[in-house]
PDB file of all heavy atoms in Angstrom:
ATOM      1  N   HIS A   1      -2.969   3.501  11.915  1.00  0.00           N
ATOM      2  CA  HIS A   1      -3.855   2.652  11.099  1.00  0.00           C
ATOM      3  C   HIS A   1      -4.106   3.355   9.730  1.00  0.00           C
ATOM      4  O   HIS A   1      -4.148   4.566   9.684  1.00  0.00           O
ATOM      5  CB  HIS A   1      -5.154   2.438  11.785  1.00  0.00           C
ATOM      6  CG  HIS A   1      -5.042   1.609  13.057  1.00  0.00           C
ATOM      7  ND1 HIS A   1      -4.699   2.192  14.250  1.00  0.00           N
ATOM      8  CD2 HIS A   1      -5.280   0.316  13.273  1.00  0.00           C
ATOM      9  CE1 HIS A   1      -4.649   1.228  15.177  1.00  0.00           C
ATOM     10  NE2 HIS A   1      -5.012   0.101  14.608  1.00  0.00           N
ATOM     11  N   PHE A   2      -4.369   2.533   8.756  1.00  0.00           N
ATOM     12  CA  PHE A   2      -4.763   2.978   7.442  1.00  0.00           C
ATOM     13  C   PHE A   2      -6.203   2.593   7.203  1.00  0.00           C
ATOM     14  O   PHE A   2      -6.600   1.497   7.495  1.00  0.00           O
ATOM     15  CB  PHE A   2      -3.894   2.337   6.358  1.00  0.00           C
ATOM     16  CG  PHE A   2      -2.456   2.753   6.358  1.00  0.00           C
ATOM     17  CD1 PHE A   2      -1.544   2.162   7.176  1.00  0.00           C
ATOM     18  CD2 PHE A   2      -2.043   3.792   5.529  1.00  0.00           C
ATOM     19  CE1 PHE A   2      -0.223   2.557   7.184  1.00  0.00           C
ATOM     20  CE2 PHE A   2      -0.723   4.216   5.504  1.00  0.00           C
ATOM     21  CZ  PHE A   2       0.205   3.563   6.359  1.00  0.00           C
ATOM     22  N   VAL A   3      -7.006   3.549   6.673  1.00  0.00           N
ATOM     23  CA  VAL A   3      -8.346   3.210   6.276  1.00  0.00           C
ATOM     24  C   VAL A   3      -8.270   2.360   4.977  1.00  0.00           C
ATOM     25  O   VAL A   3      -7.385   2.614   4.145  1.00  0.00           O
ATOM     26  CB  VAL A   3      -9.247   4.477   6.114  1.00  0.00           C
ATOM     27  CG1 VAL A   3      -8.847   5.307   4.910  1.00  0.00           C
ATOM     28  CG2 VAL A   3     -10.671   4.114   6.037  1.00  0.00           C
ATOM     29  N   VAL A   4      -9.101   1.366   4.890  1.00  0.00           N
ATOM     30  CA  VAL A   4      -9.048   0.447   3.726  1.00  0.00           C
ATOM     31  C   VAL A   4     -10.465   0.221   3.188  1.00  0.00           C
ATOM     32  O   VAL A   4     -11.456   0.455   3.849  1.00  0.00           O
ATOM     33  CB  VAL A   4      -8.429  -0.926   4.134  1.00  0.00           C
ATOM     34  CG1 VAL A   4      -6.950  -0.781   4.456  1.00  0.00           C
ATOM     35  CG2 VAL A   4      -9.180  -1.592   5.291  1.00  0.00           C
ATOM     36  N   THR A   5     -10.513  -0.218   1.959  1.00  0.00           N
ATOM     37  CA  THR A   5     -11.794  -0.512   1.311  1.00  0.00           C
ATOM     38  C   THR A   5     -12.285  -1.927   1.714  1.00  0.00           C
ATOM     39  O   THR A   5     -13.462  -2.172   1.597  1.00  0.00           O
ATOM     40  CB  THR A   5     -11.721  -0.429  -0.219  1.00  0.00           C
ATOM     41  OG1 THR A   5     -10.690  -1.329  -0.660  1.00  0.00           O
ATOM     42  CG2 THR A   5     -11.403   0.989  -0.651  1.00  0.00           C
ATOM     43  N   SER A   6     -11.371  -2.782   2.160  1.00  0.00           N
ATOM     44  CA  SER A   6     -11.739  -4.116   2.557  1.00  0.00           C
ATOM     45  C   SER A   6     -10.668  -4.652   3.496  1.00  0.00           C
ATOM     46  O   SER A   6      -9.485  -4.346   3.336  1.00  0.00           O
ATOM     47  CB  SER A   6     -11.813  -5.042   1.332  1.00  0.00           C
ATOM     48  OG  SER A   6     -11.922  -6.410   1.670  1.00  0.00           O
ATOM     49  N   LYS A   7     -11.091  -5.448   4.522  1.00  0.00           N
ATOM     50  CA  LYS A   7     -10.127  -6.026   5.426  1.00  0.00           C
ATOM     51  C   LYS A   7      -9.339  -7.152   4.722  1.00  0.00           C
ATOM     52  O   LYS A   7      -8.278  -7.547   5.172  1.00  0.00           O
ATOM     53  CB  LYS A   7     -10.832  -6.598   6.639  1.00  0.00           C
ATOM     54  CG  LYS A   7     -11.396  -5.548   7.547  1.00  0.00           C
ATOM     55  CD  LYS A   7     -10.280  -5.056   8.464  1.00  0.00           C
ATOM     56  CE  LYS A   7     -10.920  -4.321   9.630  1.00  0.00           C
ATOM     57  NZ  LYS A   7      -9.986  -4.052  10.672  1.00  0.00           N
ATOM     58  N   LYS A   8      -9.904  -7.728   3.633  1.00  0.00           N
ATOM     59  CA  LYS A   8      -9.203  -8.745   2.868  1.00  0.00           C
ATOM     60  C   LYS A   8      -8.316  -7.990   1.888  1.00  0.00           C
ATOM     61  O   LYS A   8      -8.825  -7.323   0.959  1.00  0.00           O
ATOM     62  CB  LYS A   8     -10.193  -9.662   2.173  1.00  0.00           C
ATOM     63  CG  LYS A   8      -9.447 -10.766   1.407  1.00  0.00           C
ATOM     64  CD  LYS A   8     -10.417 -11.729   0.790  1.00  0.00           C
ATOM     65  CE  LYS A   8      -9.594 -12.771   0.070  1.00  0.00           C
ATOM     66  NZ  LYS A   8     -10.375 -13.806  -0.505  1.00  0.00           N
ATOM     67  N   LEU A   9      -6.989  -8.077   2.064  1.00  0.00           N
ATOM     68  CA  LEU A   9      -6.053  -7.325   1.241  1.00  0.00           C
ATOM     69  C   LEU A   9      -5.438  -8.177   0.135  1.00  0.00           C
ATOM     70  O   LEU A   9      -5.089  -9.328   0.350  1.00  0.00           O
ATOM     71  CB  LEU A   9      -4.977  -6.752   2.136  1.00  0.00           C
ATOM     72  CG  LEU A   9      -5.447  -5.861   3.280  1.00  0.00           C
ATOM     73  CD1 LEU A   9      -4.276  -5.413   4.123  1.00  0.00           C
ATOM     74  CD2 LEU A   9      -6.228  -4.648   2.780  1.00  0.00           C
ATOM     75  N   SER A  10      -5.290  -7.539  -1.016  1.00  0.00           N
ATOM     76  CA  SER A  10      -4.659  -8.206  -2.140  1.00  0.00           C
ATOM     77  C   SER A  10      -3.128  -8.151  -2.001  1.00  0.00           C
ATOM     78  O   SER A  10      -2.603  -7.436  -1.149  1.00  0.00           O
ATOM     79  CB  SER A  10      -5.089  -7.493  -3.440  1.00  0.00           C
ATOM     80  OG  SER A  10      -4.706  -6.142  -3.409  1.00  0.00           O
ATOM     81  N   PRO A  11      -2.420  -8.871  -2.846  1.00  0.00           N
ATOM     82  CA  PRO A  11      -0.949  -8.765  -2.844  1.00  0.00           C
ATOM     83  C   PRO A  11      -0.514  -7.326  -3.150  1.00  0.00           C
ATOM     84  O   PRO A  11      -1.236  -6.589  -3.860  1.00  0.00           O
ATOM     85  CB  PRO A  11      -0.506  -9.728  -3.923  1.00  0.00           C
ATOM     86  CG  PRO A  11      -1.650 -10.661  -4.099  1.00  0.00           C
ATOM     87  CD  PRO A  11      -2.866  -9.850  -3.816  1.00  0.00           C
ATOM     88  N   PRO A  12       0.645  -6.911  -2.669  1.00  0.00           N
ATOM     89  CA  PRO A  12       1.138  -5.555  -2.931  1.00  0.00           C
ATOM     90  C   PRO A  12       1.330  -5.301  -4.431  1.00  0.00           C
ATOM     91  O   PRO A  12       1.923  -6.124  -5.148  1.00  0.00           O
ATOM     92  CB  PRO A  12       2.501  -5.501  -2.227  1.00  0.00           C
ATOM     93  CG  PRO A  12       2.500  -6.670  -1.279  1.00  0.00           C
ATOM     94  CD  PRO A  12       1.555  -7.672  -1.844  1.00  0.00           C
ATOM     95  N   GLU A  13       0.778  -4.140  -4.915  1.00  0.00           N
ATOM     96  CA  GLU A  13       0.884  -3.845  -6.327  1.00  0.00           C
ATOM     97  C   GLU A  13       0.966  -2.323  -6.637  1.00  0.00           C
ATOM     98  O   GLU A  13       1.351  -1.936  -7.718  1.00  0.00           O
ATOM     99  CB  GLU A  13      -0.250  -4.461  -7.117  1.00  0.00           C
ATOM    100  CG  GLU A  13      -1.609  -3.905  -6.755  1.00  0.00           C
ATOM    101  CD  GLU A  13      -2.751  -4.504  -7.554  1.00  0.00           C
ATOM    102  OE1 GLU A  13      -2.895  -4.134  -8.708  1.00  0.00           O
ATOM    103  OE2 GLU A  13      -3.448  -5.369  -7.008  1.00  0.00           O
ATOM    104  N   VAL A  14       0.596  -1.473  -5.674  1.00  0.00           N
ATOM    105  CA  VAL A  14       0.583  -0.030  -5.934  1.00  0.00           C
ATOM    106  C   VAL A  14       1.870   0.574  -5.438  1.00  0.00           C
ATOM    107  O   VAL A  14       2.243   0.456  -4.285  1.00  0.00           O
ATOM    108  CB  VAL A  14      -0.633   0.638  -5.223  1.00  0.00           C
ATOM    109  CG1 VAL A  14      -0.635   2.148  -5.498  1.00  0.00           C
ATOM    110  CG2 VAL A  14      -1.945   0.021  -5.685  1.00  0.00           C
ATOM    111  N   TYR A  15       2.542   1.297  -6.349  1.00  0.00           N
ATOM    112  CA  TYR A  15       3.840   1.911  -6.068  1.00  0.00           C
ATOM    113  C   TYR A  15       3.667   3.110  -5.105  1.00  0.00           C
ATOM    114  O   TYR A  15       2.841   3.962  -5.372  1.00  0.00           O
ATOM    115  CB  TYR A  15       4.478   2.378  -7.354  1.00  0.00           C
ATOM    116  CG  TYR A  15       5.806   3.072  -7.170  1.00  0.00           C
ATOM    117  CD1 TYR A  15       6.957   2.361  -6.982  1.00  0.00           C
ATOM    118  CD2 TYR A  15       5.878   4.446  -7.179  1.00  0.00           C
ATOM    119  CE1 TYR A  15       8.178   2.989  -6.821  1.00  0.00           C
ATOM    120  CE2 TYR A  15       7.075   5.131  -7.032  1.00  0.00           C
ATOM    121  CZ  TYR A  15       8.232   4.377  -6.843  1.00  0.00           C
ATOM    122  OH  TYR A  15       9.408   4.987  -6.671  1.00  0.00           O
ATOM    123  N   VAL A  16       4.445   3.106  -4.007  1.00  0.00           N
ATOM    124  CA  VAL A  16       4.347   4.181  -3.014  1.00  0.00           C
ATOM    125  C   VAL A  16       5.788   4.628  -2.681  1.00  0.00           C
ATOM    126  O   VAL A  16       6.669   3.777  -2.449  1.00  0.00           O
ATOM    127  CB  VAL A  16       3.677   3.644  -1.729  1.00  0.00           C
ATOM    128  CG1 VAL A  16       3.731   4.700  -0.598  1.00  0.00           C
ATOM    129  CG2 VAL A  16       2.253   3.228  -2.001  1.00  0.00           C
ATOM    130  N   GLU A  17       5.998   5.941  -2.676  1.00  0.00           N
ATOM    131  CA  GLU A  17       7.288   6.470  -2.193  1.00  0.00           C
ATOM    132  C   GLU A  17       7.107   6.907  -0.740  1.00  0.00           C
ATOM    133  O   GLU A  17       6.142   7.600  -0.400  1.00  0.00           O
ATOM    134  CB  GLU A  17       7.709   7.671  -3.042  1.00  0.00           C
ATOM    135  CG  GLU A  17       8.241   7.270  -4.345  1.00  0.00           C
ATOM    136  CD  GLU A  17       9.041   8.396  -5.028  1.00  0.00           C
ATOM    137  OE1 GLU A  17       9.660   9.210  -4.348  1.00  0.00           O
ATOM    138  OE2 GLU A  17       8.975   8.446  -6.259  1.00  0.00           O
ATOM    139  N   LEU A  18       8.017   6.476   0.127  1.00  0.00           N
ATOM    140  CA  LEU A  18       7.919   6.752   1.515  1.00  0.00           C
ATOM    141  C   LEU A  18       8.776   7.964   1.847  1.00  0.00           C
ATOM    142  O   LEU A  18       9.953   7.812   2.247  1.00  0.00           O
ATOM    143  CB  LEU A  18       8.379   5.527   2.324  1.00  0.00           C
ATOM    144  CG  LEU A  18       7.607   4.240   1.979  1.00  0.00           C
ATOM    145  CD1 LEU A  18       8.276   3.045   2.648  1.00  0.00           C
ATOM    146  CD2 LEU A  18       6.179   4.361   2.404  1.00  0.00           C
ATOM    147  N   GLY A  19       8.203   9.138   1.745  1.00  0.00           N
ATOM    148  CA  GLY A  19       8.932  10.365   2.072  1.00  0.00           C
ATOM    149  C   GLY A  19      10.175  10.547   1.253  1.00  0.00           C
ATOM    150  O   GLY A  19      11.110  11.187   1.705  1.00  0.00           O
ATOM    151  N   GLY A  20      10.217  10.008   0.059  1.00  0.00           N
ATOM    152  CA  GLY A  20      11.405  10.107  -0.806  1.00  0.00           C
ATOM    153  C   GLY A  20      12.562   9.243  -0.353  1.00  0.00           C
ATOM    154  O   GLY A  20      13.610   9.272  -0.945  1.00  0.00           O
ATOM    155  N   GLN A  21      12.363   8.488   0.716  1.00  0.00           N
ATOM    156  CA  GLN A  21      13.457   7.647   1.248  1.00  0.00           C
ATOM    157  C   GLN A  21      13.436   6.216   0.785  1.00  0.00           C
ATOM    158  O   GLN A  21      14.444   5.519   0.795  1.00  0.00           O
ATOM    159  CB  GLN A  21      13.366   7.634   2.774  1.00  0.00           C
ATOM    160  CG  GLN A  21      13.483   9.062   3.400  1.00  0.00           C
ATOM    161  CD  GLN A  21      14.783   9.724   3.032  1.00  0.00           C
ATOM    162  OE1 GLN A  21      15.856   9.169   3.166  1.00  0.00           O
ATOM    163  NE2 GLN A  21      14.690  10.967   2.498  1.00  0.00           N
ATOM    164  N   GLY A  22      12.321   5.736   0.345  1.00  0.00           N
ATOM    165  CA  GLY A  22      12.191   4.365  -0.089  1.00  0.00           C
ATOM    166  C   GLY A  22      11.003   4.183  -0.954  1.00  0.00           C
ATOM    167  O   GLY A  22      10.109   5.032  -1.023  1.00  0.00           O
ATOM    168  N   GLN A  23      10.966   3.037  -1.658  1.00  0.00           N
ATOM    169  CA  GLN A  23       9.834   2.751  -2.487  1.00  0.00           C
ATOM    170  C   GLN A  23       9.327   1.354  -2.117  1.00  0.00           C
ATOM    171  O   GLN A  23      10.123   0.462  -1.861  1.00  0.00           O
ATOM    172  CB  GLN A  23      10.260   2.744  -3.964  1.00  0.00           C
ATOM    173  CG  GLN A  23      10.682   4.073  -4.474  1.00  0.00           C
ATOM    174  CD  GLN A  23      12.184   4.340  -4.306  1.00  0.00           C
ATOM    175  OE1 GLN A  23      12.970   3.425  -4.464  1.00  0.00           O
ATOM    176  NE2 GLN A  23      12.571   5.555  -4.019  1.00  0.00           N
ATOM    177  N   GLU A  24       8.001   1.222  -2.098  1.00  0.00           N
ATOM    178  CA  GLU A  24       7.362  -0.049  -1.802  1.00  0.00           C
ATOM    179  C   GLU A  24       6.117  -0.237  -2.647  1.00  0.00           C
ATOM    180  O   GLU A  24       5.640   0.718  -3.247  1.00  0.00           O
ATOM    181  CB  GLU A  24       6.906  -0.099  -0.338  1.00  0.00           C
ATOM    182  CG  GLU A  24       8.025  -0.110   0.668  1.00  0.00           C
ATOM    183  CD  GLU A  24       7.525  -0.233   2.086  1.00  0.00           C
ATOM    184  OE1 GLU A  24       6.331  -0.036   2.371  1.00  0.00           O
ATOM    185  OE2 GLU A  24       8.373  -0.536   2.959  1.00  0.00           O
ATOM    186  N   LEU A  25       5.657  -1.451  -2.699  1.00  0.00           N
ATOM    187  CA  LEU A  25       4.381  -1.803  -3.293  1.00  0.00           C
ATOM    188  C   LEU A  25       3.432  -2.097  -2.136  1.00  0.00           C
ATOM    189  O   LEU A  25       3.822  -2.821  -1.219  1.00  0.00           O
ATOM    190  CB  LEU A  25       4.483  -2.993  -4.240  1.00  0.00           C
ATOM    191  CG  LEU A  25       5.400  -2.806  -5.449  1.00  0.00           C
ATOM    192  CD1 LEU A  25       5.447  -4.109  -6.258  1.00  0.00           C
ATOM    193  CD2 LEU A  25       4.984  -1.681  -6.325  1.00  0.00           C
ATOM    194  N   TRP A  26       2.192  -1.544  -2.207  1.00  0.00           N
ATOM    195  CA  TRP A  26       1.178  -1.762  -1.160  1.00  0.00           C
ATOM    196  C   TRP A  26      -0.067  -2.349  -1.786  1.00  0.00           C
ATOM    197  O   TRP A  26      -0.319  -2.194  -2.968  1.00  0.00           O
ATOM    198  CB  TRP A  26       0.825  -0.436  -0.509  1.00  0.00           C
ATOM    199  CG  TRP A  26       1.884   0.095   0.427  1.00  0.00           C
ATOM    200  CD1 TRP A  26       3.138  -0.386   0.666  1.00  0.00           C
ATOM    201  CD2 TRP A  26       1.752   1.237   1.260  1.00  0.00           C
ATOM    202  NE1 TRP A  26       3.777   0.378   1.589  1.00  0.00           N
ATOM    203  CE2 TRP A  26       2.940   1.427   1.958  1.00  0.00           C
ATOM    204  CE3 TRP A  26       0.742   2.152   1.459  1.00  0.00           C
ATOM    205  CZ2 TRP A  26       3.154   2.433   2.884  1.00  0.00           C
ATOM    206  CZ3 TRP A  26       0.935   3.202   2.367  1.00  0.00           C
ATOM    207  CH2 TRP A  26       2.158   3.308   3.084  1.00  0.00           C
ATOM    208  N   PRO A  27      -0.898  -3.013  -0.938  1.00  0.00           N
ATOM    209  CA  PRO A  27      -2.171  -3.553  -1.442  1.00  0.00           C
ATOM    210  C   PRO A  27      -3.104  -2.449  -1.925  1.00  0.00           C
ATOM    211  O   PRO A  27      -3.151  -1.342  -1.369  1.00  0.00           O
ATOM    212  CB  PRO A  27      -2.784  -4.243  -0.201  1.00  0.00           C
ATOM    213  CG  PRO A  27      -1.596  -4.554   0.672  1.00  0.00           C
ATOM    214  CD  PRO A  27      -0.642  -3.413   0.443  1.00  0.00           C
ATOM    215  N   ARG A  28      -3.823  -2.754  -2.966  1.00  0.00           N
ATOM    216  CA  ARG A  28      -4.767  -1.816  -3.563  1.00  0.00           C
ATOM    217  C   ARG A  28      -5.812  -1.290  -2.607  1.00  0.00           C
ATOM    218  O   ARG A  28      -6.311  -0.182  -2.743  1.00  0.00           O
ATOM    219  CB  ARG A  28      -5.428  -2.575  -4.729  1.00  0.00           C
ATOM    220  CG  ARG A  28      -6.019  -1.776  -5.795  1.00  0.00           C
ATOM    221  CD  ARG A  28      -6.614  -2.672  -6.836  1.00  0.00           C
ATOM    222  NE  ARG A  28      -6.226  -2.585  -8.167  1.00  0.00           N
ATOM    223  CZ  ARG A  28      -5.914  -1.507  -8.902  1.00  0.00           C
ATOM    224  NH1 ARG A  28      -5.801  -0.376  -8.304  1.00  0.00           N
ATOM    225  NH2 ARG A  28      -5.644  -1.529 -10.145  1.00  0.00           N
ATOM    226  N   GLU A  29      -6.207  -2.100  -1.631  1.00  0.00           N
ATOM    227  CA  GLU A  29      -7.265  -1.728  -0.688  1.00  0.00           C
ATOM    228  C   GLU A  29      -6.902  -0.565   0.214  1.00  0.00           C
ATOM    229  O   GLU A  29      -7.760  -0.018   0.933  1.00  0.00           O
ATOM    230  CB  GLU A  29      -7.727  -2.954   0.131  1.00  0.00           C
ATOM    231  CG  GLU A  29      -8.384  -4.062  -0.702  1.00  0.00           C
ATOM    232  CD  GLU A  29      -7.406  -4.893  -1.497  1.00  0.00           C
ATOM    233  OE1 GLU A  29      -6.171  -4.844  -1.223  1.00  0.00           O
ATOM    234  OE2 GLU A  29      -7.866  -5.605  -2.390  1.00  0.00           O
TER     235      GLU A  29
END
């Protein structure tokens, strides 16, 4: 589980690298 600021999540917008293997956008919360 991920701790979040709100259970209501926005569309994915924050750039995240997954162990250098992939890139994704995740919700700001």
